[in-house]
């Protein structure tokens, strides 16, 4: 009888935890969270748009970790993008003013930014 009670408690706990994550109340660390946070902390930004297919590809490389990237939408932040010399999308902007246009792999960005795992 005790085994059934314990099993019931375990199953109920798993159901509650699973439902909590489904409703968005759990936070799971994504693969590139630390790297995306590093880029932002170093003053590295990404300029792009929502309609740009290359921008979408760049975002997809980061997956859920993209939420930590300092992204500037050039449709709504046109003056910011023009002021930083952005001529195409996507463009990575480094604090020294260096621009890196085009979709970049995670490895390329790690090398360019000096990221040390």
PDB file of N, CA and C in Angstrom:
ATOM      1  N   UNK A   1       0.818  -1.195   0.000  1.00  0.00           N
ATOM      2  CA  UNK A   1       0.000   0.000   0.000  1.00  0.00           C
ATOM      3  C   UNK A   1       0.865   1.263   0.000  1.00  0.00           C
ATOM      4  N   UNK A   2       1.958   1.276   0.786  1.00  0.00           N
ATOM      5  CA  UNK A   2       2.835   2.441   0.839  1.00  0.00           C
ATOM      6  C   UNK A   2       3.470   2.708  -0.528  1.00  0.00           C
ATOM      7  N   UNK A   3       3.796   1.615  -1.245  1.00  0.00           N
ATOM      8  CA  UNK A   3       4.406   1.772  -2.562  1.00  0.00           C
ATOM      9  C   UNK A   3       3.466   2.503  -3.513  1.00  0.00           C
ATOM     10  N   UNK A   4       2.166   2.213  -3.432  1.00  0.00           N
ATOM     11  CA  UNK A   4       1.183   2.853  -4.298  1.00  0.00           C
ATOM     12  C   UNK A   4       1.047   4.335  -3.961  1.00  0.00           C
ATOM     13  N   UNK A   5       1.098   4.657  -2.702  1.00  0.00           N
ATOM     14  CA  UNK A   5       1.000   6.062  -2.285  1.00  0.00           C
ATOM     15  C   UNK A   5       2.224   6.838  -2.775  1.00  0.00           C
ATOM     16  N   UNK A   6       3.400   6.255  -2.590  1.00  0.00           N
ATOM     17  CA  UNK A   6       4.637   6.901  -3.034  1.00  0.00           C
ATOM     18  C   UNK A   6       4.636   7.053  -4.555  1.00  0.00           C
ATOM     19  N   UNK A   7       4.223   6.001  -5.254  1.00  0.00           N
ATOM     20  CA  UNK A   7       4.158   6.058  -6.716  1.00  0.00           C
ATOM     21  C   UNK A   7       3.184   7.148  -7.162  1.00  0.00           C
ATOM     22  N   UNK A   8       2.058   7.266  -6.483  1.00  0.00           N
ATOM     23  CA  UNK A   8       1.069   8.295  -6.814  1.00  0.00           C
ATOM     24  C   UNK A   8       1.616   9.691  -6.605  1.00  0.00           C
ATOM     25  N   UNK A   9       2.346   9.889  -5.528  1.00  0.00           N
ATOM     26  CA  UNK A   9       2.949  11.197  -5.243  1.00  0.00           C
ATOM     27  C   UNK A   9       3.989  11.552  -6.307  1.00  0.00           C
ATOM     28  N   UNK A  10       4.804  10.571  -6.677  1.00  0.00           N
ATOM     29  CA  UNK A  10       5.826  10.800  -7.699  1.00  0.00           C
ATOM     30  C   UNK A  10       5.177  11.162  -9.034  1.00  0.00           C
ATOM     31  N   UNK A  11       4.165  10.418  -9.426  1.00  0.00           N
ATOM     32  CA  UNK A  11       3.478  10.683 -10.694  1.00  0.00           C
ATOM     33  C   UNK A  11       2.814  12.057 -10.668  1.00  0.00           C
ATOM     34  N   UNK A  12       2.151  12.383  -9.579  1.00  0.00           N
ATOM     35  CA  UNK A  12       1.500  13.693  -9.460  1.00  0.00           C
ATOM     36  C   UNK A  12       2.534  14.818  -9.545  1.00  0.00           C
ATOM     37  N   UNK A  13       3.675  14.632  -8.907  1.00  0.00           N
ATOM     38  CA  UNK A  13       4.737  15.643  -8.947  1.00  0.00           C
ATOM     39  C   UNK A  13       5.253  15.845 -10.367  1.00  0.00           C
ATOM     40  N   UNK A  14       5.450  14.749 -11.088  1.00  0.00           N
ATOM     41  CA  UNK A  14       5.923  14.847 -12.465  1.00  0.00           C
ATOM     42  C   UNK A  14       4.910  15.559 -13.353  1.00  0.00           C
ATOM     43  N   UNK A  15       3.644  15.281 -13.159  1.00  0.00           N
ATOM     44  CA  UNK A  15       2.597  15.938 -13.944  1.00  0.00           C
ATOM     45  C   UNK A  15       2.586  17.438 -13.662  1.00  0.00           C
ATOM     46  N   UNK A  16       2.694  17.808 -12.410  1.00  0.00           N
ATOM     47  CA  UNK A  16       2.695  19.227 -12.034  1.00  0.00           C
ATOM     48  C   UNK A  16       3.907  19.938 -12.631  1.00  0.00           C
ATOM     49  N   UNK A  17       5.083  19.326 -12.527  1.00  0.00           N
ATOM     50  CA  UNK A  17       6.290  19.937 -13.089  1.00  0.00           C
ATOM     51  C   UNK A  17       6.186  20.080 -14.598  1.00  0.00           C
ATOM     52  N   UNK A  18       5.675  19.057 -15.255  1.00  0.00           N
ATOM     53  CA  UNK A  18       5.527  19.099 -16.703  1.00  0.00           C
ATOM     54  C   UNK A  18       4.552  20.196 -17.118  1.00  0.00           C
ATOM     55  N   UNK A  19       3.431  20.305 -16.450  1.00  0.00           N
ATOM     56  CA  UNK A  19       2.445  21.328 -16.785  1.00  0.00           C
ATOM     57  C   UNK A  19       2.972  22.727 -16.510  1.00  0.00           C
ATOM     58  N   UNK A  20       3.776  22.875 -15.494  1.00  0.00           N
ATOM     59  CA  UNK A  20       4.363  24.176 -15.195  1.00  0.00           C
ATOM     60  C   UNK A  20       5.255  24.616 -16.350  1.00  0.00           C
ATOM     61  N   UNK A  21       6.053  23.719 -16.887  1.00  0.00           N
ATOM     62  CA  UNK A  21       6.918  24.063 -18.014  1.00  0.00           C
ATOM     63  C   UNK A  21       6.105  24.352 -19.269  1.00  0.00           C
ATOM     64  N   UNK A  22       5.032  23.628 -19.478  1.00  0.00           N
ATOM     65  CA  UNK A  22       4.192  23.849 -20.653  1.00  0.00           C
ATOM     66  C   UNK A  22       3.576  25.238 -20.618  1.00  0.00           C
ATOM     67  N   UNK A  23       3.195  25.711 -19.448  1.00  0.00           N
ATOM     68  CA  UNK A  23       2.571  27.031 -19.349  1.00  0.00           C
ATOM     69  C   UNK A  23       3.602  28.156 -19.366  1.00  0.00           C
ATOM     70  N   UNK A  24       4.877  27.810 -19.481  1.00  0.00           N
ATOM     71  CA  UNK A  24       5.913  28.825 -19.602  1.00  0.00           C
ATOM     72  C   UNK A  24       6.447  29.325 -18.278  1.00  0.00           C
ATOM     73  N   UNK A  25       6.186  28.627 -17.210  1.00  0.00           N
ATOM     74  CA  UNK A  25       6.647  29.073 -15.902  1.00  0.00           C
ATOM     75  C   UNK A  25       7.966  28.439 -15.491  1.00  0.00           C
ATOM     76  N   UNK A  26       8.631  27.771 -16.402  1.00  0.00           N
ATOM     77  CA  UNK A  26       9.938  27.223 -16.057  1.00  0.00           C
ATOM     78  C   UNK A  26      10.975  27.853 -16.976  1.00  0.00           C
ATOM     79  N   UNK A  27      12.172  27.955 -16.514  1.00  0.00           N
ATOM     80  CA  UNK A  27      13.241  28.542 -17.302  1.00  0.00           C
ATOM     81  C   UNK A  27      14.278  27.464 -17.539  1.00  0.00           C
ATOM     82  N   UNK A  28      14.529  27.199 -18.793  1.00  0.00           N
ATOM     83  CA  UNK A  28      15.543  26.227 -19.141  1.00  0.00           C
ATOM     84  C   UNK A  28      16.674  26.963 -19.841  1.00  0.00           C
ATOM     85  N   UNK A  29      17.871  26.649 -19.458  1.00  0.00           N
ATOM     86  CA  UNK A  29      19.012  27.302 -20.076  1.00  0.00           C
ATOM     87  C   UNK A  29      19.216  26.723 -21.466  1.00  0.00           C
ATOM     88  N   UNK A  30      19.381  27.584 -22.437  1.00  0.00           N
ATOM     89  CA  UNK A  30      19.613  27.164 -23.808  1.00  0.00           C
ATOM     90  C   UNK A  30      21.110  27.069 -24.068  1.00  0.00           C
ATOM     91  N   UNK A  31      21.440  26.435 -25.155  1.00  0.00           N
ATOM     92  CA  UNK A  31      22.831  26.108 -25.469  1.00  0.00           C
ATOM     93  C   UNK A  31      23.764  27.318 -25.527  1.00  0.00           C
ATOM     94  N   UNK A  32      23.286  28.441 -26.057  1.00  0.00           N
ATOM     95  CA  UNK A  32      24.157  29.600 -26.256  1.00  0.00           C
ATOM     96  C   UNK A  32      23.827  30.776 -25.345  1.00  0.00           C
ATOM     97  N   UNK A  33      23.137  30.535 -24.242  1.00  0.00           N
ATOM     98  CA  UNK A  33      22.785  31.621 -23.319  1.00  0.00           C
ATOM     99  C   UNK A  33      24.013  32.414 -22.881  1.00  0.00           C
ATOM    100  N   UNK A  34      25.034  31.718 -22.401  1.00  0.00           N
ATOM    101  CA  UNK A  34      26.226  32.408 -21.897  1.00  0.00           C
ATOM    102  C   UNK A  34      26.906  33.221 -22.994  1.00  0.00           C
ATOM    103  N   UNK A  35      26.978  32.654 -24.184  1.00  0.00           N
ATOM    104  CA  UNK A  35      27.623  33.366 -25.288  1.00  0.00           C
ATOM    105  C   UNK A  35      26.821  34.596 -25.703  1.00  0.00           C
ATOM    106  N   UNK A  36      25.513  34.454 -25.805  1.00  0.00           N
ATOM    107  CA  UNK A  36      24.665  35.597 -26.180  1.00  0.00           C
ATOM    108  C   UNK A  36      24.763  36.702 -25.130  1.00  0.00           C
ATOM    109  N   UNK A  37      24.779  36.327 -23.866  1.00  0.00           N
ATOM    110  CA  UNK A  37      24.924  37.315 -22.792  1.00  0.00           C
ATOM    111  C   UNK A  37      26.295  37.993 -22.876  1.00  0.00           C
ATOM    112  N   UNK A  38      27.314  37.214 -23.210  1.00  0.00           N
ATOM    113  CA  UNK A  38      28.661  37.759 -23.355  1.00  0.00           C
ATOM    114  C   UNK A  38      28.692  38.822 -24.457  1.00  0.00           C
ATOM    115  N   UNK A  39      28.112  38.498 -25.616  1.00  0.00           N
ATOM    116  CA  UNK A  39      28.098  39.460 -26.719  1.00  0.00           C
ATOM    117  C   UNK A  39      27.485  40.781 -26.276  1.00  0.00           C
ATOM    118  N   UNK A  40      26.350  40.696 -25.615  1.00  0.00           N
ATOM    119  CA  UNK A  40      25.660  41.900 -25.157  1.00  0.00           C
ATOM    120  C   UNK A  40      26.491  42.651 -24.122  1.00  0.00           C
ATOM    121  N   UNK A  41      27.099  41.920 -23.198  1.00  0.00           N
ATOM    122  CA  UNK A  41      27.907  42.576 -22.157  1.00  0.00           C
ATOM    123  C   UNK A  41      29.140  43.261 -22.741  1.00  0.00           C
ATOM    124  N   UNK A  42      29.604  42.785 -23.891  1.00  0.00           N
ATOM    125  CA  UNK A  42      30.759  43.388 -24.559  1.00  0.00           C
ATOM    126  C   UNK A  42      30.366  44.553 -25.468  1.00  0.00           C
ATOM    127  N   UNK A  43      29.064  44.846 -25.545  1.00  0.00           N
ATOM    128  CA  UNK A  43      28.602  45.956 -26.370  1.00  0.00           C
ATOM    129  C   UNK A  43      28.436  45.606 -27.837  1.00  0.00           C
ATOM    130  N   UNK A  44      28.329  44.323 -28.129  1.00  0.00           N
ATOM    131  CA  UNK A  44      28.158  43.856 -29.506  1.00  0.00           C
ATOM    132  C   UNK A  44      26.669  43.725 -29.793  1.00  0.00           C
ATOM    133  N   UNK A  45      26.232  44.341 -30.886  1.00  0.00           N
ATOM    134  CA  UNK A  45      24.810  44.364 -31.241  1.00  0.00           C
ATOM    135  C   UNK A  45      24.598  43.750 -32.616  1.00  0.00           C
ATOM    136  N   UNK A  46      23.364  43.369 -32.863  1.00  0.00           N
ATOM    137  CA  UNK A  46      22.971  42.861 -34.175  1.00  0.00           C
ATOM    138  C   UNK A  46      21.867  43.740 -34.727  1.00  0.00           C
ATOM    139  N   UNK A  47      22.051  44.202 -35.954  1.00  0.00           N
ATOM    140  CA  UNK A  47      21.027  44.985 -36.640  1.00  0.00           C
ATOM    141  C   UNK A  47      20.401  44.118 -37.720  1.00  0.00           C
ATOM    142  N   UNK A  48      19.082  44.213 -37.832  1.00  0.00           N
ATOM    143  CA  UNK A  48      18.382  43.428 -38.844  1.00  0.00           C
ATOM    144  C   UNK A  48      16.923  43.819 -38.904  1.00  0.00           C
ATOM    145  N   UNK A  49      16.125  42.968 -39.519  1.00  0.00           N
ATOM    146  CA  UNK A  49      14.683  43.189 -39.608  1.00  0.00           C
ATOM    147  C   UNK A  49      13.970  41.860 -39.376  1.00  0.00           C
ATOM    148  N   UNK A  50      12.668  41.940 -39.204  1.00  0.00           N
ATOM    149  CA  UNK A  50      11.884  40.718 -39.032  1.00  0.00           C
ATOM    150  C   UNK A  50      11.614  40.020 -40.361  1.00  0.00           C
ATOM    151  N   UNK A  51      11.637  40.762 -41.461  1.00  0.00           N
ATOM    152  CA  UNK A  51      11.312  40.179 -42.765  1.00  0.00           C
ATOM    153  C   UNK A  51      12.522  39.607 -43.499  1.00  0.00           C
ATOM    154  N   UNK A  52      13.711  39.900 -43.043  1.00  0.00           N
ATOM    155  CA  UNK A  52      14.955  39.474 -43.696  1.00  0.00           C
ATOM    156  C   UNK A  52      15.225  37.986 -43.449  1.00  0.00           C
ATOM    157  N   UNK A  53      15.338  37.210 -44.523  1.00  0.00           N
ATOM    158  CA  UNK A  53      15.555  35.763 -44.372  1.00  0.00           C
ATOM    159  C   UNK A  53      16.919  35.454 -43.757  1.00  0.00           C
ATOM    160  N   UNK A  54      17.927  36.257 -44.064  1.00  0.00           N
ATOM    161  CA  UNK A  54      19.254  36.031 -43.482  1.00  0.00           C
ATOM    162  C   UNK A  54      19.252  36.360 -41.984  1.00  0.00           C
ATOM    163  N   UNK A  55      18.454  37.359 -41.601  1.00  0.00           N
ATOM    164  CA  UNK A  55      18.312  37.698 -40.180  1.00  0.00           C
ATOM    165  C   UNK A  55      17.638  36.552 -39.435  1.00  0.00           C
ATOM    166  N   UNK A  56      16.620  35.982 -40.054  1.00  0.00           N
ATOM    167  CA  UNK A  56      15.932  34.838 -39.445  1.00  0.00           C
ATOM    168  C   UNK A  56      16.895  33.673 -39.269  1.00  0.00           C
ATOM    169  N   UNK A  57      17.729  33.441 -40.272  1.00  0.00           N
ATOM    170  CA  UNK A  57      18.719  32.365 -40.180  1.00  0.00           C
ATOM    171  C   UNK A  57      19.704  32.635 -39.042  1.00  0.00           C
ATOM    172  N   UNK A  58      20.115  33.905 -38.893  1.00  0.00           N
ATOM    173  CA  UNK A  58      21.038  34.263 -37.811  1.00  0.00           C
ATOM    174  C   UNK A  58      20.393  34.018 -36.456  1.00  0.00           C
ATOM    175  N   UNK A  59      19.139  34.421 -36.313  1.00  0.00           N
ATOM    176  CA  UNK A  59      18.405  34.211 -35.062  1.00  0.00           C
ATOM    177  C   UNK A  59      18.282  32.726 -34.750  1.00  0.00           C
ATOM    178  N   UNK A  60      17.999  31.924 -35.772  1.00  0.00           N
ATOM    179  CA  UNK A  60      17.813  30.485 -35.571  1.00  0.00           C
ATOM    180  C   UNK A  60      19.084  29.801 -35.094  1.00  0.00           C
ATOM    181  N   UNK A  61      20.253  30.320 -35.477  1.00  0.00           N
ATOM    182  CA  UNK A  61      21.508  29.736 -34.998  1.00  0.00           C
ATOM    183  C   UNK A  61      21.614  29.822 -33.478  1.00  0.00           C
ATOM    184  N   UNK A  62      21.062  30.881 -32.899  1.00  0.00           N
ATOM    185  CA  UNK A  62      21.093  31.064 -31.449  1.00  0.00           C
ATOM    186  C   UNK A  62      19.951  30.341 -30.749  1.00  0.00           C
ATOM    187  N   UNK A  63      18.912  29.998 -31.465  1.00  0.00           N
ATOM    188  CA  UNK A  63      17.750  29.354 -30.851  1.00  0.00           C
ATOM    189  C   UNK A  63      17.139  30.251 -29.788  1.00  0.00           C
ATOM    190  N   UNK A  64      16.730  29.653 -28.674  1.00  0.00           N
ATOM    191  CA  UNK A  64      16.113  30.409 -27.583  1.00  0.00           C
ATOM    192  C   UNK A  64      17.073  31.411 -26.946  1.00  0.00           C
ATOM    193  N   UNK A  65      18.355  31.207 -27.118  1.00  0.00           N
ATOM    194  CA  UNK A  65      19.349  32.115 -26.540  1.00  0.00           C
ATOM    195  C   UNK A  65      19.345  33.482 -27.214  1.00  0.00           C
ATOM    196  N   UNK A  66      18.685  33.594 -28.364  1.00  0.00           N
ATOM    197  CA  UNK A  66      18.667  34.877 -29.074  1.00  0.00           C
ATOM    198  C   UNK A  66      18.056  35.986 -28.230  1.00  0.00           C
ATOM    199  N   UNK A  67      17.221  35.628 -27.272  1.00  0.00           N
ATOM    200  CA  UNK A  67      16.589  36.651 -26.423  1.00  0.00           C
ATOM    201  C   UNK A  67      17.627  37.477 -25.664  1.00  0.00           C
ATOM    202  N   UNK A  68      18.854  36.978 -25.544  1.00  0.00           N
ATOM    203  CA  UNK A  68      19.913  37.700 -24.836  1.00  0.00           C
ATOM    204  C   UNK A  68      20.787  38.547 -25.770  1.00  0.00           C
ATOM    205  N   UNK A  69      20.580  38.423 -27.067  1.00  0.00           N
ATOM    206  CA  UNK A  69      21.346  39.212 -28.038  1.00  0.00           C
ATOM    207  C   UNK A  69      20.755  40.619 -28.107  1.00  0.00           C
ATOM    208  N   UNK A  70      21.625  41.618 -28.165  1.00  0.00           N
ATOM    209  CA  UNK A  70      21.176  43.010 -28.295  1.00  0.00           C
ATOM    210  C   UNK A  70      20.794  43.251 -29.754  1.00  0.00           C
ATOM    211  N   UNK A  71      19.530  42.979 -30.076  1.00  0.00           N
ATOM    212  CA  UNK A  71      19.035  43.069 -31.452  1.00  0.00           C
ATOM    213  C   UNK A  71      18.314  44.387 -31.674  1.00  0.00           C
ATOM    214  N   UNK A  72      18.645  45.040 -32.775  1.00  0.00           N
ATOM    215  CA  UNK A  72      17.988  46.289 -33.156  1.00  0.00           C
ATOM    216  C   UNK A  72      17.256  46.067 -34.473  1.00  0.00           C
ATOM    217  N   UNK A  73      15.942  46.220 -34.437  1.00  0.00           N
ATOM    218  CA  UNK A  73      15.115  46.068 -35.626  1.00  0.00           C
ATOM    219  C   UNK A  73      15.178  47.371 -36.423  1.00  0.00           C
ATOM    220  N   UNK A  74      15.775  47.311 -37.584  1.00  0.00           N
ATOM    221  CA  UNK A  74      16.002  48.524 -38.373  1.00  0.00           C
ATOM    222  C   UNK A  74      14.727  49.092 -38.989  1.00  0.00           C
ATOM    223  N   UNK A  75      13.637  48.350 -38.959  1.00  0.00           N
ATOM    224  CA  UNK A  75      12.362  48.925 -39.391  1.00  0.00           C
ATOM    225  C   UNK A  75      11.842  49.909 -38.346  1.00  0.00           C
ATOM    226  N   UNK A  76      11.969  49.546 -37.089  1.00  0.00           N
ATOM    227  CA  UNK A  76      11.474  50.413 -36.009  1.00  0.00           C
ATOM    228  C   UNK A  76      12.570  51.282 -35.392  1.00  0.00           C
ATOM    229  N   UNK A  77      13.831  50.947 -35.632  1.00  0.00           N
ATOM    230  CA  UNK A  77      14.958  51.719 -35.095  1.00  0.00           C
ATOM    231  C   UNK A  77      15.848  52.209 -36.241  1.00  0.00           C
ATOM    232  N   UNK A  78      15.210  52.757 -37.236  1.00  0.00           N
ATOM    233  CA  UNK A  78      15.909  53.185 -38.453  1.00  0.00           C
ATOM    234  C   UNK A  78      17.061  54.152 -38.162  1.00  0.00           C
ATOM    235  N   UNK A  79      16.825  55.131 -37.306  1.00  0.00           N
ATOM    236  CA  UNK A  79      17.878  56.120 -37.027  1.00  0.00           C
ATOM    237  C   UNK A  79      19.066  55.471 -36.315  1.00  0.00           C
ATOM    238  N   UNK A  80      18.807  54.509 -35.439  1.00  0.00           N
ATOM    239  CA  UNK A  80      19.904  53.806 -34.757  1.00  0.00           C
ATOM    240  C   UNK A  80      20.750  53.076 -35.790  1.00  0.00           C
ATOM    241  N   UNK A  81      20.098  52.377 -36.693  1.00  0.00           N
ATOM    242  CA  UNK A  81      20.811  51.598 -37.706  1.00  0.00           C
ATOM    243  C   UNK A  81      21.607  52.506 -38.647  1.00  0.00           C
ATOM    244  N   UNK A  82      20.985  53.578 -39.117  1.00  0.00           N
ATOM    245  CA  UNK A  82      21.686  54.512 -39.996  1.00  0.00           C
ATOM    246  C   UNK A  82      22.855  55.169 -39.272  1.00  0.00           C
ATOM    247  N   UNK A  83      22.651  55.528 -38.016  1.00  0.00           N
ATOM    248  CA  UNK A  83      23.697  56.155 -37.218  1.00  0.00           C
ATOM    249  C   UNK A  83      24.887  55.252 -36.961  1.00  0.00           C
ATOM    250  N   UNK A  84      24.669  53.947 -37.054  1.00  0.00           N
ATOM    251  CA  UNK A  84      25.750  52.983 -36.854  1.00  0.00           C
ATOM    252  C   UNK A  84      26.309  52.450 -38.168  1.00  0.00           C
ATOM    253  N   UNK A  85      25.874  53.043 -39.282  1.00  0.00           N
ATOM    254  CA  UNK A  85      26.440  52.685 -40.577  1.00  0.00           C
ATOM    255  C   UNK A  85      25.931  51.394 -41.191  1.00  0.00           C
ATOM    256  N   UNK A  86      24.807  50.911 -40.710  1.00  0.00           N
ATOM    257  CA  UNK A  86      24.262  49.657 -41.228  1.00  0.00           C
ATOM    258  C   UNK A  86      23.727  49.884 -42.639  1.00  0.00           C
ATOM    259  N   UNK A  87      24.219  49.083 -43.586  1.00  0.00           N
ATOM    260  CA  UNK A  87      23.781  49.199 -44.977  1.00  0.00           C
ATOM    261  C   UNK A  87      23.045  47.960 -45.464  1.00  0.00           C
ATOM    262  N   UNK A  88      23.164  46.852 -44.752  1.00  0.00           N
ATOM    263  CA  UNK A  88      22.508  45.604 -45.131  1.00  0.00           C
ATOM    264  C   UNK A  88      22.219  44.780 -43.896  1.00  0.00           C
ATOM    265  N   UNK A  89      21.441  43.739 -44.097  1.00  0.00           N
ATOM    266  CA  UNK A  89      21.006  42.923 -42.953  1.00  0.00           C
ATOM    267  C   UNK A  89      21.363  41.454 -43.165  1.00  0.00           C
ATOM    268  N   UNK A  90      21.703  40.777 -42.093  1.00  0.00           N
ATOM    269  CA  UNK A  90      22.010  41.287 -40.759  1.00  0.00           C
ATOM    270  C   UNK A  90      23.417  41.889 -40.724  1.00  0.00           C
ATOM    271  N   UNK A  91      23.656  42.731 -39.758  1.00  0.00           N
ATOM    272  CA  UNK A  91      24.985  43.303 -39.540  1.00  0.00           C
ATOM    273  C   UNK A  91      25.294  43.282 -38.049  1.00  0.00           C
ATOM    274  N   UNK A  92      26.439  42.704 -37.711  1.00  0.00           N
ATOM    275  CA  UNK A  92      26.930  42.732 -36.328  1.00  0.00           C
ATOM    276  C   UNK A  92      27.728  44.009 -36.149  1.00  0.00           C
ATOM    277  N   UNK A  93      27.478  44.721 -35.059  1.00  0.00           N
ATOM    278  CA  UNK A  93      28.151  45.981 -34.773  1.00  0.00           C
ATOM    279  C   UNK A  93      28.956  45.823 -33.484  1.00  0.00           C
ATOM    280  N   UNK A  94      30.249  46.071 -33.589  1.00  0.00           N
ATOM    281  CA  UNK A  94      31.129  45.962 -32.433  1.00  0.00           C
ATOM    282  C   UNK A  94      31.353  47.347 -31.835  1.00  0.00           C
ATOM    283  N   UNK A  95      31.717  47.412 -30.554  1.00  0.00           N
ATOM    284  CA  UNK A  95      31.836  48.710 -29.875  1.00  0.00           C
ATOM    285  C   UNK A  95      32.867  49.652 -30.498  1.00  0.00           C
ATOM    286  N   UNK A  96      33.844  49.098 -31.218  1.00  0.00           N
ATOM    287  CA  UNK A  96      34.846  49.954 -31.862  1.00  0.00           C
ATOM    288  C   UNK A  96      34.354  50.503 -33.201  1.00  0.00           C
ATOM    289  N   UNK A  97      33.088  50.193 -33.551  1.00  0.00           N
ATOM    290  CA  UNK A  97      32.513  50.677 -34.793  1.00  0.00           C
ATOM    291  C   UNK A  97      32.664  49.721 -35.962  1.00  0.00           C
ATOM    292  N   UNK A  98      33.405  48.647 -35.758  1.00  0.00           N
ATOM    293  CA  UNK A  98      33.592  47.653 -36.823  1.00  0.00           C
ATOM    294  C   UNK A  98      32.265  46.966 -37.138  1.00  0.00           C
ATOM    295  N   UNK A  99      31.960  46.860 -38.425  1.00  0.00           N
ATOM    296  CA  UNK A  99      30.728  46.219 -38.878  1.00  0.00           C
ATOM    297  C   UNK A  99      31.061  44.888 -39.545  1.00  0.00           C
ATOM    298  N   UNK A 100      30.264  43.884 -39.238  1.00  0.00           N
ATOM    299  CA  UNK A 100      30.411  42.572 -39.848  1.00  0.00           C
ATOM    300  C   UNK A 100      29.075  42.184 -40.473  1.00  0.00           C
ATOM    301  N   UNK A 101      28.892  42.506 -41.759  1.00  0.00           N
ATOM    302  CA  UNK A 101      27.616  42.195 -42.406  1.00  0.00           C
ATOM    303  C   UNK A 101      27.503  40.711 -42.751  1.00  0.00           C
ATOM    304  N   UNK A 102      26.275  40.255 -42.835  1.00  0.00           N
ATOM    305  CA  UNK A 102      26.009  38.877 -43.237  1.00  0.00           C
ATOM    306  C   UNK A 102      25.802  37.953 -42.058  1.00  0.00           C
ATOM    307  N   UNK A 103      25.215  36.818 -42.358  1.00  0.00           N
ATOM    308  CA  UNK A 103      24.994  35.792 -41.339  1.00  0.00           C
ATOM    309  C   UNK A 103      26.339  35.204 -40.950  1.00  0.00           C
ATOM    310  N   UNK A 104      26.596  35.130 -39.658  1.00  0.00           N
ATOM    311  CA  UNK A 104      27.862  34.590 -39.143  1.00  0.00           C
ATOM    312  C   UNK A 104      27.578  33.348 -38.316  1.00  0.00           C
ATOM    313  N   UNK A 105      28.435  32.359 -38.437  1.00  0.00           N
ATOM    314  CA  UNK A 105      28.279  31.156 -37.620  1.00  0.00           C
ATOM    315  C   UNK A 105      28.614  31.494 -36.173  1.00  0.00           C
ATOM    316  N   UNK A 106      28.175  30.651 -35.276  1.00  0.00           N
ATOM    317  CA  UNK A 106      28.500  30.838 -33.856  1.00  0.00           C
ATOM    318  C   UNK A 106      30.014  30.831 -33.681  1.00  0.00           C
ATOM    319  N   UNK A 107      30.695  29.931 -34.367  1.00  0.00           N
ATOM    320  CA  UNK A 107      32.155  29.854 -34.247  1.00  0.00           C
ATOM    321  C   UNK A 107      32.824  31.131 -34.752  1.00  0.00           C
ATOM    322  N   UNK A 108      32.342  31.680 -35.858  1.00  0.00           N
ATOM    323  CA  UNK A 108      32.896  32.943 -36.368  1.00  0.00           C
ATOM    324  C   UNK A 108      32.703  34.060 -35.351  1.00  0.00           C
ATOM    325  N   UNK A 109      31.515  34.122 -34.773  1.00  0.00           N
ATOM    326  CA  UNK A 109      31.234  35.173 -33.791  1.00  0.00           C
ATOM    327  C   UNK A 109      32.083  35.009 -32.536  1.00  0.00           C
ATOM    328  N   UNK A 110      32.306  33.778 -32.126  1.00  0.00           N
ATOM    329  CA  UNK A 110      33.169  33.543 -30.959  1.00  0.00           C
ATOM    330  C   UNK A 110      34.578  34.042 -31.245  1.00  0.00           C
ATOM    331  N   UNK A 111      35.070  33.753 -32.433  1.00  0.00           N
ATOM    332  CA  UNK A 111      36.417  34.190 -32.799  1.00  0.00           C
ATOM    333  C   UNK A 111      36.498  35.712 -32.905  1.00  0.00           C
ATOM    334  N   UNK A 112      35.542  36.322 -33.586  1.00  0.00           N
ATOM    335  CA  UNK A 112      35.539  37.780 -33.754  1.00  0.00           C
ATOM    336  C   UNK A 112      35.430  38.518 -32.421  1.00  0.00           C
ATOM    337  N   UNK A 113      34.662  37.952 -31.500  1.00  0.00           N
ATOM    338  CA  UNK A 113      34.405  38.626 -30.223  1.00  0.00           C
ATOM    339  C   UNK A 113      35.441  38.309 -29.152  1.00  0.00           C
ATOM    340  N   UNK A 114      36.314  37.338 -29.415  1.00  0.00           N
ATOM    341  CA  UNK A 114      37.305  36.952 -28.415  1.00  0.00           C
ATOM    342  C   UNK A 114      36.725  36.139 -27.278  1.00  0.00           C
ATOM    343  N   UNK A 115      35.601  35.485 -27.538  1.00  0.00           N
ATOM    344  CA  UNK A 115      34.934  34.681 -26.503  1.00  0.00           C
ATOM    345  C   UNK A 115      35.786  33.480 -26.156  1.00  0.00           C
ATOM    346  N   UNK A 116      35.994  33.276 -24.864  1.00  0.00           N
ATOM    347  CA  UNK A 116      36.781  32.143 -24.382  1.00  0.00           C
ATOM    348  C   UNK A 116      35.895  31.289 -23.495  1.00  0.00           C
ATOM    349  N   UNK A 117      35.564  30.113 -23.987  1.00  0.00           N
ATOM    350  CA  UNK A 117      34.685  29.226 -23.225  1.00  0.00           C
ATOM    351  C   UNK A 117      35.392  28.810 -22.010  1.00  0.00           C
TER     352      UNK A 117
END
